[in-house]
N, C-alpha and C. Protein backbone atom coordinates (compact mmCIF):
# COMPACT_ATOMS: atom_id res chain seq x y z
N MET A 1 96.03 79.83 103.67
CA MET A 1 96.73 81.43 104.33
C MET A 1 95.35 82.13 104.00
N SER A 2 94.74 83.02 105.10
CA SER A 2 93.88 83.61 105.79
C SER A 2 94.25 85.09 105.79
N TYR A 3 93.93 86.01 104.99
CA TYR A 3 94.07 87.89 105.23
C TYR A 3 93.42 88.70 105.66
N VAL A 4 93.40 89.56 106.55
CA VAL A 4 92.22 90.45 106.74
C VAL A 4 93.23 91.91 106.19
N TYR A 5 92.10 92.69 105.61
CA TYR A 5 92.30 93.55 104.59
C TYR A 5 91.88 95.00 105.27
N ILE A 6 92.14 95.93 104.63
CA ILE A 6 91.95 97.59 105.30
C ILE A 6 92.07 97.91 103.29
N LEU A 7 91.04 98.91 103.39
CA LEU A 7 91.15 99.79 101.97
C LEU A 7 91.41 101.07 102.50
N HIS A 8 92.02 102.08 101.48
CA HIS A 8 91.60 103.11 102.25
C HIS A 8 91.15 103.82 100.88
N PHE A 9 90.04 104.69 100.90
CA PHE A 9 89.86 105.62 99.45
C PHE A 9 89.94 106.75 99.46
N GLN A 10 90.04 107.53 98.98
CA GLN A 10 91.12 108.51 98.82
C GLN A 10 90.29 109.88 98.88
N ARG A 11 88.57 109.80 99.06
CA ARG A 11 87.38 110.45 99.68
C ARG A 11 86.35 109.47 100.23
N PRO A 12 85.56 110.15 101.34
CA PRO A 12 84.13 109.29 101.41
C PRO A 12 83.34 109.35 100.46
N ILE A 13 82.60 108.56 100.46
CA ILE A 13 81.76 107.67 99.53
C ILE A 13 80.23 109.05 98.88
N SER A 14 80.19 109.58 100.25
CA SER A 14 79.29 110.57 99.63
C SER A 14 79.40 111.47 101.11
N PRO A 15 78.77 113.09 101.23
CA PRO A 15 78.88 113.92 102.11
C PRO A 15 78.36 113.36 103.28
N TYR A 16 77.14 112.20 103.27
CA TYR A 16 76.35 111.54 104.45
C TYR A 16 76.95 110.39 104.97
N HIS A 17 77.90 109.67 104.32
CA HIS A 17 78.61 108.39 104.51
C HIS A 17 79.71 108.72 104.62
N THR A 18 80.67 109.21 105.61
CA THR A 18 81.99 109.77 105.50
C THR A 18 83.07 108.75 105.79
N ALA A 19 82.57 107.36 106.06
CA ALA A 19 83.72 106.13 105.88
C ALA A 19 84.30 106.50 104.65
N GLN A 20 85.77 106.49 104.86
CA GLN A 20 86.75 105.95 103.69
C GLN A 20 87.44 104.65 104.04
N HIS A 21 86.95 103.54 104.63
CA HIS A 21 87.81 102.61 104.86
C HIS A 21 86.53 101.28 104.47
N TYR A 22 87.55 100.22 103.78
CA TYR A 22 86.82 99.05 103.97
C TYR A 22 87.73 97.88 104.99
N VAL A 23 86.93 97.37 105.57
CA VAL A 23 87.88 96.20 105.94
C VAL A 23 87.20 94.93 105.39
N GLY A 24 88.15 93.63 105.05
CA GLY A 24 87.77 92.28 104.40
C GLY A 24 88.50 91.41 105.28
N PHE A 25 87.82 89.89 104.27
CA PHE A 25 88.58 88.67 104.76
C PHE A 25 88.82 88.09 103.67
N THR A 26 89.88 87.45 103.52
CA THR A 26 89.76 86.65 102.24
C THR A 26 90.98 85.12 102.38
N LYS A 27 90.82 84.25 101.91
CA LYS A 27 92.04 83.58 101.55
C LYS A 27 93.20 83.86 100.14
N ASP A 28 92.51 84.80 98.96
CA ASP A 28 92.65 84.90 97.45
C ASP A 28 93.32 86.37 97.69
N ILE A 29 94.21 87.33 98.31
CA ILE A 29 94.23 88.77 98.30
C ILE A 29 94.21 89.17 97.03
N ASP A 30 94.83 88.72 96.09
CA ASP A 30 95.38 89.17 94.62
C ASP A 30 93.50 89.32 94.13
N GLN A 31 92.99 88.15 93.88
CA GLN A 31 91.59 87.98 93.38
C GLN A 31 90.54 88.78 93.97
N ARG A 32 90.66 89.27 95.68
CA ARG A 32 89.78 89.54 95.87
C ARG A 32 89.87 91.08 95.68
N ILE A 33 91.40 91.75 95.59
CA ILE A 33 91.35 93.53 95.09
C ILE A 33 91.09 93.74 93.62
N ARG A 34 91.23 92.62 92.76
CA ARG A 34 90.96 92.44 91.44
C ARG A 34 89.21 92.83 91.48
N GLU A 35 88.54 92.01 92.29
CA GLU A 35 87.40 91.92 92.33
C GLU A 35 86.77 93.27 93.12
N HIS A 36 87.29 93.84 94.03
CA HIS A 36 86.76 95.33 94.45
C HIS A 36 87.22 96.04 93.16
N ARG A 37 88.54 96.34 92.57
CA ARG A 37 88.32 97.03 91.88
C ARG A 37 87.18 97.01 90.76
N LYS A 38 87.28 96.04 90.14
CA LYS A 38 85.40 95.89 89.19
C LYS A 38 84.34 96.61 89.87
N GLY A 39 84.49 96.47 91.30
CA GLY A 39 83.07 97.08 91.71
C GLY A 39 82.09 95.95 91.95
N ARG A 40 82.73 94.91 92.67
CA ARG A 40 82.50 93.25 92.78
C ARG A 40 82.74 93.40 94.40
N GLY A 41 82.04 92.72 94.99
CA GLY A 41 82.50 91.74 96.04
C GLY A 41 81.94 92.56 97.43
N SER A 42 81.62 93.37 97.27
CA SER A 42 81.24 94.53 98.34
C SER A 42 80.64 95.73 97.98
N ARG A 43 78.97 96.18 98.55
CA ARG A 43 78.16 97.46 97.90
C ARG A 43 79.38 98.88 97.72
N PHE A 44 80.04 98.47 99.38
CA PHE A 44 80.69 99.93 99.44
C PHE A 44 81.71 99.86 97.93
N CYS A 45 82.59 98.83 97.69
CA CYS A 45 83.36 99.28 96.88
C CYS A 45 82.50 99.48 95.30
N ALA A 46 81.61 98.92 94.86
CA ALA A 46 80.35 99.43 93.58
C ALA A 46 80.19 100.67 93.97
N VAL A 47 80.34 101.31 95.15
CA VAL A 47 79.51 102.95 94.84
C VAL A 47 80.93 103.42 94.86
N ALA A 48 81.70 103.44 95.37
CA ALA A 48 82.79 103.85 95.08
C ALA A 48 83.95 103.43 93.82
N LYS A 49 83.54 102.97 92.81
CA LYS A 49 83.68 102.81 92.05
C LYS A 49 82.69 103.18 90.85
N GLU A 50 81.23 103.67 90.87
CA GLU A 50 80.56 104.36 90.33
C GLU A 50 80.49 105.90 90.53
N ARG A 51 81.21 106.38 91.72
CA ARG A 51 81.71 107.58 91.88
C ARG A 51 83.16 107.88 91.53
N ASP A 52 83.82 107.04 90.99
CA ASP A 52 85.12 107.15 90.59
C ASP A 52 85.91 107.35 91.72
N ILE A 53 85.75 106.49 92.81
CA ILE A 53 86.48 106.89 93.65
C ILE A 53 87.67 105.72 94.21
N SER A 54 89.17 106.08 93.54
CA SER A 54 89.99 105.46 94.00
C SER A 54 90.66 104.79 95.60
N PHE A 55 90.64 103.29 95.62
CA PHE A 55 91.54 103.17 96.87
C PHE A 55 92.83 102.42 96.68
N THR A 56 93.28 102.57 97.90
CA THR A 56 94.60 101.83 97.89
C THR A 56 94.31 100.41 99.32
N LEU A 57 95.02 99.40 99.13
CA LEU A 57 95.57 98.32 100.06
C LEU A 57 96.44 99.28 100.81
N ALA A 58 95.62 99.64 101.91
CA ALA A 58 96.58 100.30 103.08
C ALA A 58 97.14 99.15 104.59
N GLU A 59 96.49 98.61 104.28
CA GLU A 59 97.20 96.99 105.34
C GLU A 59 96.66 95.51 105.27
N LEU A 60 97.09 94.47 105.41
CA LEU A 60 97.46 93.52 104.98
C LEU A 60 97.78 92.77 106.48
N LEU A 61 97.15 92.13 106.52
CA LEU A 61 96.84 91.09 107.99
C LEU A 61 96.89 89.42 107.82
N MET A 62 97.90 88.96 108.36
CA MET A 62 97.77 87.25 108.28
C MET A 62 96.50 87.35 109.42
N GLY A 63 95.55 86.71 109.22
CA GLY A 63 94.43 86.42 110.30
C GLY A 63 93.34 85.77 110.07
N GLU A 64 92.27 85.81 111.27
CA GLU A 64 91.29 85.07 110.83
C GLU A 64 89.89 85.73 110.88
N ARG A 65 88.71 85.40 110.18
CA ARG A 65 87.50 86.16 110.07
C ARG A 65 87.44 86.86 111.87
N SER A 66 87.53 86.02 112.54
CA SER A 66 87.97 87.03 114.23
C SER A 66 88.11 88.03 113.99
N LEU A 67 89.43 88.15 113.57
CA LEU A 67 89.80 89.59 113.33
C LEU A 67 89.29 90.53 112.57
N GLU A 68 89.03 90.22 111.69
CA GLU A 68 88.13 91.05 110.76
C GLU A 68 86.97 91.68 111.74
N LYS A 69 86.24 90.66 112.13
CA LYS A 69 84.50 91.72 112.90
C LYS A 69 85.51 91.84 114.10
N ALA A 70 86.94 91.75 114.61
CA ALA A 70 87.13 92.73 116.03
C ALA A 70 87.55 94.07 115.63
N ILE A 71 88.15 94.61 114.42
CA ILE A 71 88.08 95.59 114.09
C ILE A 71 87.31 96.37 113.33
N LYS A 72 86.11 95.60 112.76
CA LYS A 72 85.19 96.03 112.50
C LYS A 72 84.19 96.91 113.50
N ARG A 73 83.88 96.14 114.70
CA ARG A 73 83.51 96.40 116.23
C ARG A 73 83.82 97.58 116.72
N GLN A 74 85.48 98.35 116.31
CA GLN A 74 85.73 98.83 116.84
C GLN A 74 85.25 100.27 116.67
N LYS A 75 84.22 100.43 115.10
CA LYS A 75 83.61 101.18 114.57
C LYS A 75 84.94 102.53 114.22
N ASN A 76 86.37 102.66 114.14
CA ASN A 76 86.92 103.42 113.63
C ASN A 76 88.22 102.67 113.09
N THR A 77 87.99 102.39 112.09
CA THR A 77 89.28 102.16 111.05
C THR A 77 89.94 102.73 111.17
N LYS A 78 89.74 104.04 110.94
CA LYS A 78 91.19 104.84 110.68
C LYS A 78 92.18 104.18 111.71
N ILE A 79 92.21 104.15 112.94
CA ILE A 79 92.92 103.90 113.69
C ILE A 79 94.16 102.72 113.63
N PHE A 80 93.72 102.06 112.61
CA PHE A 80 94.05 100.74 111.96
C PHE A 80 94.79 101.00 110.54
N CYS A 81 94.08 102.21 109.91
CA CYS A 81 94.77 102.36 108.64
C CYS A 81 96.77 103.44 108.70
N PRO A 82 97.41 102.70 108.14
CA PRO A 82 98.79 103.61 108.14
C PRO A 82 98.51 104.45 107.51
N VAL A 83 97.97 104.77 106.15
CA VAL A 83 97.56 105.82 105.73
C VAL A 83 96.90 107.30 106.27
N CYS A 84 96.23 107.40 107.20
CA CYS A 84 95.20 107.90 108.16
C CYS A 84 96.61 108.26 109.24
N CYS A 85 97.05 107.09 109.91
CA CYS A 85 98.16 107.37 111.14
C CYS A 85 98.96 107.94 110.53
N LYS A 86 99.02 108.03 109.33
CA LYS A 86 100.79 109.00 109.00
C LYS A 86 100.27 109.98 108.24
N SER A 87 99.15 110.65 108.36
CA SER A 87 98.38 111.66 108.24
C SER A 87 98.59 112.67 109.24
N ASN A 88 97.57 111.45 110.65
CA ASN A 88 97.75 112.51 111.49
C ASN A 88 98.97 112.47 112.27
N TYR A 89 99.90 111.91 111.41
CA TYR A 89 101.40 112.04 112.68
C TYR A 89 102.03 113.46 111.96
N TYR A 90 101.58 113.54 110.81
CA TYR A 90 102.58 114.39 110.10
C TYR A 90 101.74 116.18 109.92
N SER A 91 100.37 115.57 110.14
CA SER A 91 99.66 117.25 110.69
C SER A 91 99.67 117.90 111.98
N SER A 92 100.40 117.27 112.53
CA SER A 92 100.49 117.64 114.18
C SER A 92 101.42 118.28 114.39
């Protein structure tokens, strides 16, 4: 089984790089999350760990790499993030 996942970071990794999400693909979600928490597996997660920025697994979808690429192509991951959508809903 393959998964596409969205990580939501507690804050942007820098004032200049305001992204708070990472979209990834894996066949072993538990192992992949462990790698990200250790700062391995992606440069984005490594920088977040160096800066002591934690994340939560915001969304987990069954799907192939094509779904991951489709989400990334949107260049607006927060619309797929339940954490952000919930925040936007309650702040209205």
